[in-house]
Amino acid sequence: MSLFHADAYDPDDMMVHPRHQAMQPVLAQLIQQLRDCETAEAGIEFQRNLLDRLLEVEKDRAGFKRAAKRIRSGKGPQPDAPEPQSGRDLADVATWRFEQDVCDRLARQLRSVGGAAAHVRCAEGRRLRHQARVHTCAL
């Protein structure tokens, strides 16, 4: 969902959400870690770090989605529901949907970093193949 198509909250609410704020330096760190990858081991460590972050966000997203469904049906959130950090009314389904939307956005941001990693790996593969052709032609 685009920030500009959010009908239950102002887009600025997303930007100042504590989860969103906390993720921004993490994203910068992941991008720097990707730029610094010079070995296969560093690449694997980057992928692990990225995957751990993504799985954590996806787990919370699923928990918020489940809680929203329970609230809608007149129940309370499940005991293991993640803690909303928006400061909104916990009895309001919109609170839980908003928290889910925050996690959706964070997951997209993390996947974008993963997409950049794939692009870098493909570009590196093309560069190595080109060097191999140039070297073969020079022989």
N, C-alpha and C. Protein backbone atom coordinates (compact mmCIF):
# COMPACT_ATOMS: atom_id res chain seq x y z
N MET A 1 0.85 -1.17 0.00
CA MET A 1 0.00 0.00 0.00
C MET A 1 0.89 1.23 0.00
N SER A 2 0.55 2.17 -0.83
CA SER A 2 1.26 3.44 -0.89
C SER A 2 0.90 4.30 0.31
N LEU A 3 1.86 5.06 0.78
CA LEU A 3 1.57 5.98 1.88
C LEU A 3 0.46 6.96 1.52
N PHE A 4 0.34 7.28 0.26
CA PHE A 4 -0.63 8.27 -0.17
C PHE A 4 -2.03 7.69 -0.37
N HIS A 5 -2.14 6.37 -0.26
CA HIS A 5 -3.44 5.72 -0.37
C HIS A 5 -3.92 5.19 0.98
N ALA A 6 -3.25 5.58 2.04
CA ALA A 6 -3.65 5.15 3.38
C ALA A 6 -4.85 5.98 3.81
N ASP A 7 -5.95 5.30 4.07
CA ASP A 7 -7.16 6.04 4.45
C ASP A 7 -7.36 6.11 5.96
N ALA A 8 -6.68 5.28 6.72
CA ALA A 8 -6.89 5.25 8.17
C ALA A 8 -5.87 6.09 8.95
N TYR A 9 -4.89 6.65 8.26
CA TYR A 9 -3.87 7.44 8.94
C TYR A 9 -3.19 8.38 7.97
N ASP A 10 -2.55 9.36 8.54
CA ASP A 10 -1.79 10.34 7.78
C ASP A 10 -0.43 9.71 7.43
N PRO A 11 0.08 9.89 6.22
CA PRO A 11 1.39 9.33 5.86
C PRO A 11 2.51 9.72 6.84
N ASP A 12 2.41 10.90 7.41
CA ASP A 12 3.43 11.32 8.38
C ASP A 12 3.44 10.41 9.61
N ASP A 13 2.28 9.83 9.94
CA ASP A 13 2.22 8.91 11.08
C ASP A 13 3.15 7.73 10.87
N MET A 14 3.23 7.26 9.63
CA MET A 14 4.11 6.14 9.30
C MET A 14 5.57 6.54 9.50
N MET A 15 5.91 7.72 9.05
CA MET A 15 7.31 8.15 9.10
C MET A 15 7.83 8.36 10.52
N VAL A 16 6.94 8.72 11.43
CA VAL A 16 7.38 8.97 12.80
C VAL A 16 7.13 7.78 13.72
N HIS A 17 6.61 6.69 13.16
CA HIS A 17 6.37 5.50 13.97
C HIS A 17 7.70 4.98 14.51
N PRO A 18 7.75 4.58 15.78
CA PRO A 18 9.02 4.10 16.37
C PRO A 18 9.67 2.94 15.61
N ARG A 19 8.88 2.00 15.09
CA ARG A 19 9.47 0.89 14.32
C ARG A 19 10.13 1.42 13.05
N HIS A 20 9.45 2.34 12.39
CA HIS A 20 9.99 2.91 11.15
C HIS A 20 11.27 3.69 11.45
N GLN A 21 11.24 4.48 12.48
CA GLN A 21 12.41 5.27 12.87
C GLN A 21 13.60 4.35 13.22
N ALA A 22 13.31 3.28 13.95
CA ALA A 22 14.37 2.36 14.36
C ALA A 22 14.98 1.61 13.17
N MET A 23 14.20 1.38 12.13
CA MET A 23 14.69 0.62 10.99
C MET A 23 15.60 1.44 10.07
N GLN A 24 15.46 2.75 10.05
CA GLN A 24 16.23 3.56 9.10
C GLN A 24 17.74 3.40 9.27
N PRO A 25 18.29 3.49 10.48
CA PRO A 25 19.74 3.26 10.58
C PRO A 25 20.13 1.81 10.28
N VAL A 26 19.23 0.87 10.52
CA VAL A 26 19.49 -0.54 10.19
C VAL A 26 19.62 -0.69 8.67
N LEU A 27 18.71 -0.04 7.94
CA LEU A 27 18.78 -0.09 6.48
C LEU A 27 20.09 0.51 5.97
N ALA A 28 20.48 1.63 6.55
CA ALA A 28 21.75 2.26 6.14
C ALA A 28 22.92 1.34 6.44
N GLN A 29 22.87 0.67 7.58
CA GLN A 29 23.95 -0.26 7.95
C GLN A 29 23.98 -1.44 6.98
N LEU A 30 22.81 -1.96 6.61
CA LEU A 30 22.77 -3.07 5.66
C LEU A 30 23.31 -2.66 4.29
N ILE A 31 22.96 -1.47 3.85
CA ILE A 31 23.47 -0.99 2.57
C ILE A 31 24.99 -0.85 2.62
N GLN A 32 25.50 -0.34 3.71
CA GLN A 32 26.96 -0.22 3.85
C GLN A 32 27.61 -1.60 3.91
N GLN A 33 26.97 -2.53 4.62
CA GLN A 33 27.49 -3.89 4.69
C GLN A 33 27.53 -4.51 3.29
N LEU A 34 26.52 -4.26 2.48
CA LEU A 34 26.50 -4.76 1.10
C LEU A 34 27.64 -4.15 0.30
N ARG A 35 27.83 -2.86 0.44
CA ARG A 35 28.92 -2.19 -0.30
C ARG A 35 30.28 -2.73 0.11
N ASP A 36 30.41 -3.13 1.37
CA ASP A 36 31.69 -3.61 1.88
C ASP A 36 31.96 -5.08 1.58
N CYS A 37 30.99 -5.80 1.04
CA CYS A 37 31.16 -7.24 0.77
C CYS A 37 32.23 -7.45 -0.31
N GLU A 38 33.30 -8.09 0.07
CA GLU A 38 34.36 -8.38 -0.90
C GLU A 38 34.66 -9.87 -1.00
N THR A 39 34.07 -10.64 -0.10
CA THR A 39 34.31 -12.09 -0.11
C THR A 39 32.96 -12.80 -0.07
N ALA A 40 33.00 -14.07 -0.42
CA ALA A 40 31.78 -14.88 -0.35
C ALA A 40 31.28 -14.95 1.09
N GLU A 41 32.20 -15.05 2.03
CA GLU A 41 31.82 -15.13 3.44
C GLU A 41 31.11 -13.84 3.89
N ALA A 42 31.61 -12.71 3.43
CA ALA A 42 30.97 -11.43 3.78
C ALA A 42 29.58 -11.36 3.15
N GLY A 43 29.44 -11.88 1.94
CA GLY A 43 28.14 -11.91 1.28
C GLY A 43 27.15 -12.79 2.02
N ILE A 44 27.63 -13.93 2.50
CA ILE A 44 26.76 -14.84 3.25
C ILE A 44 26.35 -14.20 4.57
N GLU A 45 27.27 -13.55 5.23
CA GLU A 45 26.95 -12.85 6.49
C GLU A 45 25.92 -11.74 6.25
N PHE A 46 26.09 -11.01 5.16
CA PHE A 46 25.12 -9.97 4.79
C PHE A 46 23.74 -10.58 4.59
N GLN A 47 23.68 -11.68 3.82
CA GLN A 47 22.40 -12.33 3.55
C GLN A 47 21.74 -12.82 4.84
N ARG A 48 22.52 -13.38 5.73
CA ARG A 48 21.98 -13.85 7.02
C ARG A 48 21.39 -12.69 7.81
N ASN A 49 22.14 -11.61 7.87
CA ASN A 49 21.71 -10.43 8.61
C ASN A 49 20.41 -9.88 8.02
N LEU A 50 20.37 -9.76 6.71
CA LEU A 50 19.18 -9.26 6.03
C LEU A 50 17.99 -10.19 6.26
N LEU A 51 18.20 -11.48 6.11
CA LEU A 51 17.12 -12.45 6.29
C LEU A 51 16.60 -12.44 7.73
N ASP A 52 17.50 -12.36 8.70
CA ASP A 52 17.08 -12.29 10.11
C ASP A 52 16.17 -11.09 10.34
N ARG A 53 16.55 -9.95 9.81
CA ARG A 53 15.75 -8.73 9.97
C ARG A 53 14.39 -8.88 9.29
N LEU A 54 14.40 -9.42 8.08
CA LEU A 54 13.16 -9.59 7.33
C LEU A 54 12.22 -10.57 8.04
N LEU A 55 12.74 -11.68 8.53
CA LEU A 55 11.90 -12.65 9.21
C LEU A 55 11.30 -12.07 10.50
N GLU A 56 12.07 -11.26 11.19
CA GLU A 56 11.58 -10.60 12.40
C GLU A 56 10.41 -9.66 12.07
N VAL A 57 10.56 -8.87 11.02
CA VAL A 57 9.50 -7.94 10.61
C VAL A 57 8.27 -8.73 10.14
N GLU A 58 8.48 -9.79 9.36
CA GLU A 58 7.37 -10.59 8.85
C GLU A 58 6.62 -11.29 9.99
N LYS A 59 7.34 -11.73 10.99
CA LYS A 59 6.69 -12.36 12.15
C LYS A 59 5.78 -11.35 12.85
N ASP A 60 6.28 -10.14 13.06
CA ASP A 60 5.46 -9.10 13.68
C ASP A 60 4.27 -8.74 12.80
N ARG A 61 4.48 -8.64 11.50
CA ARG A 61 3.40 -8.31 10.57
C ARG A 61 2.29 -9.34 10.67
N ALA A 62 2.66 -10.61 10.68
CA ALA A 62 1.67 -11.68 10.79
C ALA A 62 0.94 -11.61 12.13
N GLY A 63 1.67 -11.29 13.19
CA GLY A 63 1.05 -11.15 14.51
C GLY A 63 0.05 -10.00 14.56
N PHE A 64 0.41 -8.89 13.94
CA PHE A 64 -0.52 -7.75 13.89
C PHE A 64 -1.75 -8.08 13.06
N LYS A 65 -1.55 -8.80 11.97
CA LYS A 65 -2.67 -9.17 11.11
C LYS A 65 -3.63 -10.09 11.88
N ARG A 66 -3.07 -11.04 12.58
CA ARG A 66 -3.89 -11.97 13.37
C ARG A 66 -4.65 -11.22 14.47
N ALA A 67 -3.96 -10.30 15.13
CA ALA A 67 -4.60 -9.52 16.20
C ALA A 67 -5.74 -8.67 15.63
N ALA A 68 -5.53 -8.07 14.47
CA ALA A 68 -6.58 -7.25 13.85
C ALA A 68 -7.82 -8.10 13.57
N LYS A 69 -7.59 -9.30 13.08
CA LYS A 69 -8.69 -10.20 12.79
C LYS A 69 -9.45 -10.55 14.08
N ARG A 70 -8.71 -10.81 15.15
CA ARG A 70 -9.35 -11.14 16.43
C ARG A 70 -10.12 -9.94 16.98
N ILE A 71 -9.55 -8.75 16.89
CA ILE A 71 -10.23 -7.54 17.39
C ILE A 71 -11.53 -7.33 16.60
N ARG A 72 -11.45 -7.53 15.28
CA ARG A 72 -12.63 -7.37 14.43
C ARG A 72 -13.75 -8.32 14.84
N SER A 73 -13.39 -9.50 15.30
CA SER A 73 -14.41 -10.48 15.69
C SER A 73 -14.80 -10.35 17.17
N GLY A 74 -14.36 -9.28 17.82
CA GLY A 74 -14.78 -9.02 19.20
C GLY A 74 -13.91 -9.66 20.28
N LYS A 75 -12.81 -10.26 19.89
CA LYS A 75 -11.89 -10.87 20.86
C LYS A 75 -10.75 -9.90 21.13
N GLY A 76 -9.94 -10.23 22.10
CA GLY A 76 -8.73 -9.47 22.35
C GLY A 76 -7.60 -10.02 21.49
N PRO A 77 -6.50 -9.29 21.42
CA PRO A 77 -5.35 -9.81 20.66
C PRO A 77 -4.83 -11.09 21.29
N GLN A 78 -4.22 -11.93 20.51
CA GLN A 78 -3.65 -13.17 21.00
C GLN A 78 -2.56 -12.86 22.03
N PRO A 79 -2.32 -13.79 22.96
CA PRO A 79 -1.33 -13.53 24.02
C PRO A 79 0.08 -13.23 23.51
N ASP A 80 0.45 -13.82 22.39
CA ASP A 80 1.80 -13.61 21.86
C ASP A 80 1.86 -12.51 20.80
N ALA A 81 0.83 -11.67 20.75
CA ALA A 81 0.80 -10.58 19.77
C ALA A 81 1.96 -9.61 20.02
N PRO A 82 2.58 -9.11 18.96
CA PRO A 82 3.62 -8.10 19.15
C PRO A 82 3.01 -6.84 19.76
N GLU A 83 3.83 -6.10 20.44
CA GLU A 83 3.37 -4.88 21.13
C GLU A 83 3.29 -3.72 20.14
N PRO A 84 2.09 -3.14 19.96
CA PRO A 84 2.00 -1.95 19.12
C PRO A 84 2.83 -0.81 19.73
N GLN A 85 3.49 -0.07 18.87
CA GLN A 85 4.35 1.01 19.35
C GLN A 85 3.84 2.39 18.94
N SER A 86 2.65 2.43 18.37
CA SER A 86 2.13 3.71 17.87
C SER A 86 1.48 4.56 18.95
N GLY A 87 1.19 3.97 20.11
CA GLY A 87 0.52 4.71 21.17
C GLY A 87 -0.97 4.88 20.92
N ARG A 88 -1.51 4.13 19.98
CA ARG A 88 -2.93 4.22 19.65
C ARG A 88 -3.75 3.28 20.52
N ASP A 89 -5.05 3.40 20.40
CA ASP A 89 -6.01 2.61 21.17
C ASP A 89 -5.89 1.13 20.82
N LEU A 90 -5.55 0.30 21.80
CA LEU A 90 -5.37 -1.13 21.55
C LEU A 90 -6.68 -1.85 21.26
N ALA A 91 -7.79 -1.26 21.59
CA ALA A 91 -9.09 -1.87 21.32
C ALA A 91 -9.61 -1.55 19.92
N ASP A 92 -8.91 -0.69 19.20
CA ASP A 92 -9.33 -0.26 17.87
C ASP A 92 -8.60 -1.10 16.81
N VAL A 93 -9.37 -1.74 15.94
CA VAL A 93 -8.78 -2.56 14.89
C VAL A 93 -7.85 -1.73 13.99
N ALA A 94 -8.14 -0.44 13.83
CA ALA A 94 -7.30 0.42 12.98
C ALA A 94 -5.87 0.51 13.53
N THR A 95 -5.71 0.41 14.83
CA THR A 95 -4.38 0.43 15.44
C THR A 95 -3.57 -0.77 14.94
N TRP A 96 -4.19 -1.92 14.96
CA TRP A 96 -3.50 -3.15 14.57
C TRP A 96 -3.24 -3.19 13.07
N ARG A 97 -4.16 -2.65 12.28
CA ARG A 97 -3.95 -2.56 10.83
C ARG A 97 -2.80 -1.59 10.52
N PHE A 98 -2.75 -0.48 11.26
CA PHE A 98 -1.67 0.49 11.07
C PHE A 98 -0.33 -0.17 11.38
N GLU A 99 -0.26 -0.90 12.49
CA GLU A 99 0.99 -1.58 12.84
C GLU A 99 1.38 -2.59 11.76
N GLN A 100 0.38 -3.27 11.20
CA GLN A 100 0.65 -4.21 10.12
C GLN A 100 1.18 -3.46 8.89
N ASP A 101 0.59 -2.31 8.58
CA ASP A 101 1.06 -1.52 7.44
C ASP A 101 2.49 -1.04 7.64
N VAL A 102 2.83 -0.68 8.87
CA VAL A 102 4.21 -0.28 9.16
C VAL A 102 5.15 -1.44 8.85
N CYS A 103 4.79 -2.63 9.31
CA CYS A 103 5.63 -3.80 9.05
C CYS A 103 5.68 -4.13 7.56
N ASP A 104 4.56 -3.96 6.85
CA ASP A 104 4.57 -4.17 5.39
C ASP A 104 5.60 -3.25 4.73
N ARG A 105 5.60 -2.00 5.14
CA ARG A 105 6.53 -1.02 4.56
C ARG A 105 7.98 -1.40 4.88
N LEU A 106 8.23 -1.79 6.12
CA LEU A 106 9.59 -2.17 6.51
C LEU A 106 10.05 -3.40 5.74
N ALA A 107 9.15 -4.36 5.55
CA ALA A 107 9.51 -5.55 4.78
C ALA A 107 9.86 -5.18 3.33
N ARG A 108 9.09 -4.26 2.75
CA ARG A 108 9.40 -3.80 1.38
C ARG A 108 10.77 -3.13 1.32
N GLN A 109 11.07 -2.33 2.34
CA GLN A 109 12.37 -1.66 2.36
C GLN A 109 13.50 -2.69 2.45
N LEU A 110 13.33 -3.68 3.30
CA LEU A 110 14.35 -4.72 3.43
C LEU A 110 14.48 -5.52 2.13
N ARG A 111 13.36 -5.83 1.50
CA ARG A 111 13.42 -6.55 0.22
C ARG A 111 14.11 -5.72 -0.85
N SER A 112 13.96 -4.42 -0.78
CA SER A 112 14.66 -3.55 -1.74
C SER A 112 16.16 -3.66 -1.58
N VAL A 113 16.62 -3.75 -0.35
CA VAL A 113 18.05 -3.94 -0.10
C VAL A 113 18.48 -5.31 -0.66
N GLY A 114 17.62 -6.31 -0.46
CA GLY A 114 17.91 -7.63 -1.02
C GLY A 114 17.96 -7.60 -2.54
N GLY A 115 17.08 -6.81 -3.14
CA GLY A 115 17.10 -6.66 -4.60
C GLY A 115 18.39 -6.00 -5.07
N ALA A 116 18.85 -5.04 -4.30
CA ALA A 116 20.12 -4.38 -4.64
C ALA A 116 21.27 -5.39 -4.56
N ALA A 117 21.21 -6.27 -3.57
CA ALA A 117 22.26 -7.29 -3.43
C ALA A 117 22.25 -8.21 -4.65
N ALA A 118 21.07 -8.60 -5.10
CA ALA A 118 20.96 -9.45 -6.28
C ALA A 118 21.51 -8.73 -7.51
N HIS A 119 21.20 -7.45 -7.63
CA HIS A 119 21.70 -6.66 -8.76
C HIS A 119 23.22 -6.60 -8.74
N VAL A 120 23.79 -6.37 -7.57
CA VAL A 120 25.25 -6.30 -7.43
C VAL A 120 25.87 -7.63 -7.83
N ARG A 121 25.26 -8.73 -7.37
CA ARG A 121 25.81 -10.06 -7.70
C ARG A 121 25.74 -10.32 -9.20
N CYS A 122 24.63 -9.93 -9.83
CA CYS A 122 24.49 -10.12 -11.28
C CYS A 122 25.51 -9.27 -12.03
N ALA A 123 25.66 -8.03 -11.59
CA ALA A 123 26.62 -7.14 -12.25
C ALA A 123 28.04 -7.68 -12.10
N GLU A 124 28.35 -8.21 -10.93
CA GLU A 124 29.68 -8.79 -10.70
C GLU A 124 29.87 -10.00 -11.60
N GLY A 125 28.85 -10.83 -11.75
CA GLY A 125 28.94 -11.99 -12.64
C GLY A 125 29.16 -11.57 -14.08
N ARG A 126 28.44 -10.54 -14.52
CA ARG A 126 28.63 -10.04 -15.89
C ARG A 126 30.05 -9.51 -16.08
N ARG A 127 30.56 -8.78 -15.08
CA ARG A 127 31.91 -8.22 -15.16
C ARG A 127 32.93 -9.34 -15.27
N LEU A 128 32.77 -10.40 -14.46
CA LEU A 128 33.71 -11.51 -14.50
C LEU A 128 33.64 -12.26 -15.83
N ARG A 129 32.43 -12.45 -16.35
CA ARG A 129 32.30 -13.12 -17.66
C ARG A 129 32.94 -12.28 -18.76
N HIS A 130 32.75 -10.97 -18.69
CA HIS A 130 33.35 -10.08 -19.69
C HIS A 130 34.89 -10.16 -19.59
N GLN A 131 35.42 -10.15 -18.39
CA GLN A 131 36.88 -10.23 -18.22
C GLN A 131 37.41 -11.55 -18.76
N ALA A 132 36.64 -12.64 -18.56
CA ALA A 132 37.07 -13.94 -19.06
C ALA A 132 37.10 -13.93 -20.59
N ARG A 133 36.09 -13.30 -21.23
CA ARG A 133 36.08 -13.24 -22.69
C ARG A 133 37.24 -12.40 -23.21
N VAL A 134 37.51 -11.26 -22.58
CA VAL A 134 38.59 -10.39 -22.99
C VAL A 134 39.92 -11.12 -22.84
N HIS A 135 40.07 -11.82 -21.73
CA HIS A 135 41.32 -12.56 -21.49
C HIS A 135 41.48 -13.67 -22.53
N THR A 136 40.41 -14.37 -22.85
CA THR A 136 40.47 -15.45 -23.83
C THR A 136 40.81 -14.91 -25.21
N CYS A 137 40.22 -13.77 -25.57
CA CYS A 137 40.48 -13.16 -26.88
C CYS A 137 41.92 -12.67 -27.00
N ALA A 138 42.50 -12.28 -25.89
CA ALA A 138 43.86 -11.75 -25.90
C ALA A 138 44.88 -12.86 -26.09
N LEU A 139 44.48 -14.09 -25.82
CA LEU A 139 45.41 -15.20 -25.95
C LEU A 139 45.57 -15.57 -27.35
